Amino acid sequence: MSTKDELRRVEEDLTRLRAENQEIRDQIGDMGATDQIEISSMLGQADEQVELIADLERRRDRLIQRLEEEGAR
């Protein structure tokens, strides 16, 4: 897989994860004062996604840097 293809895939994953994360947080907001265990579980899932997003952002930045270095050669 080329660096450009890998970068495109990472950006697609970022877009998908951000949308899913927002959807989870919206659901939590809509739930109101219901099952606290379920809300806690959903918040945990959303927080894990934030960590994944941060990892993907770092990976994306490295790929962009690699592309820039390849272009300079």
Protein backbone atom coordinates (compact mmCIF):
# COMPACT_ATOMS: atom_id res chain seq x y z
CA MET A 1 0.00 0.00 0.00
CA SER A 2 1.39 3.38 -0.92
CA THR A 3 1.77 6.16 1.62
CA LYS A 4 -1.00 8.13 -0.12
CA ASP A 5 -3.36 5.16 0.07
CA GLU A 6 -2.53 4.62 3.72
CA LEU A 7 -3.11 8.31 4.44
CA ARG A 8 -6.47 8.22 2.66
CA ARG A 9 -7.48 5.18 4.70
CA VAL A 10 -6.45 6.81 7.99
CA GLU A 11 -8.42 9.95 7.11
CA GLU A 12 -11.49 7.83 6.29
CA ASP A 13 -11.13 6.05 9.65
CA LEU A 14 -10.82 9.40 11.42
CA THR A 15 -13.97 10.71 9.78
CA ARG A 16 -15.90 7.55 10.68
CA LEU A 17 -14.68 7.45 14.29
CA ARG A 18 -15.41 11.14 14.88
CA ALA A 19 -18.97 10.66 13.59
CA GLU A 20 -19.49 7.56 15.73
CA ASN A 21 -18.09 9.34 18.77
CA GLN A 22 -20.42 12.30 18.27
CA GLU A 23 -23.36 9.93 17.82
CA ILE A 24 -22.59 8.19 21.11
CA ARG A 25 -22.30 11.49 22.95
CA ASP A 26 -25.55 12.71 21.38
CA GLN A 27 -27.29 9.52 22.52
CA ILE A 28 -26.00 10.05 26.04
CA GLY A 29 -27.35 13.61 26.02
CA ASP A 30 -30.74 12.40 24.79
CA MET A 31 -30.97 9.67 27.44
CA GLY A 32 -31.34 12.05 30.33
CA ALA A 33 -31.36 10.60 33.83
CA THR A 34 -31.83 6.94 32.98
CA ASP A 35 -29.62 3.91 33.55
CA GLN A 36 -26.37 5.26 35.01
CA ILE A 37 -24.52 2.00 34.32
CA GLU A 38 -25.38 2.18 30.64
CA ILE A 39 -24.42 5.86 30.47
CA SER A 40 -21.11 5.10 32.18
CA SER A 41 -20.44 2.30 29.71
CA MET A 42 -21.22 4.54 26.75
CA LEU A 43 -18.98 7.29 28.13
CA GLY A 44 -16.18 4.75 28.51
CA GLN A 45 -16.66 3.69 24.89
CA ALA A 46 -16.62 7.32 23.74
CA ASP A 47 -13.43 7.98 25.72
CA GLU A 48 -11.76 4.94 24.14
CA GLN A 49 -12.71 6.27 20.72
CA VAL A 50 -11.12 9.62 21.58
CA GLU A 51 -7.88 7.76 22.32
CA LEU A 52 -8.13 5.92 18.99
CA ILE A 53 -8.76 9.22 17.22
CA ALA A 54 -5.66 10.72 18.83
CA ASP A 55 -3.59 7.70 17.73
CA LEU A 56 -4.89 7.99 14.18
CA GLU A 57 -4.17 11.73 14.13
CA ARG A 58 -0.56 11.04 15.12
CA ARG A 59 -0.33 8.35 12.44
CA ARG A 60 -1.80 10.74 9.88
CA ASP A 61 0.75 13.41 10.82
CA ARG A 62 3.61 10.91 10.37
CA LEU A 63 2.25 9.88 6.98
CA ILE A 64 1.97 13.51 5.87
CA GLN A 65 5.54 14.09 6.99
CA ARG A 66 6.68 10.99 5.07
CA LEU A 67 4.90 12.23 1.94
CA GLU A 68 6.57 15.62 2.28
CA GLU A 69 9.97 13.95 2.68
CA GLU A 70 9.32 11.71 -0.34
CA GLY A 71 8.34 14.75 -2.37
CA ALA A 72 11.56 16.53 -1.43
CA ARG A 73 13.69 13.71 -2.80
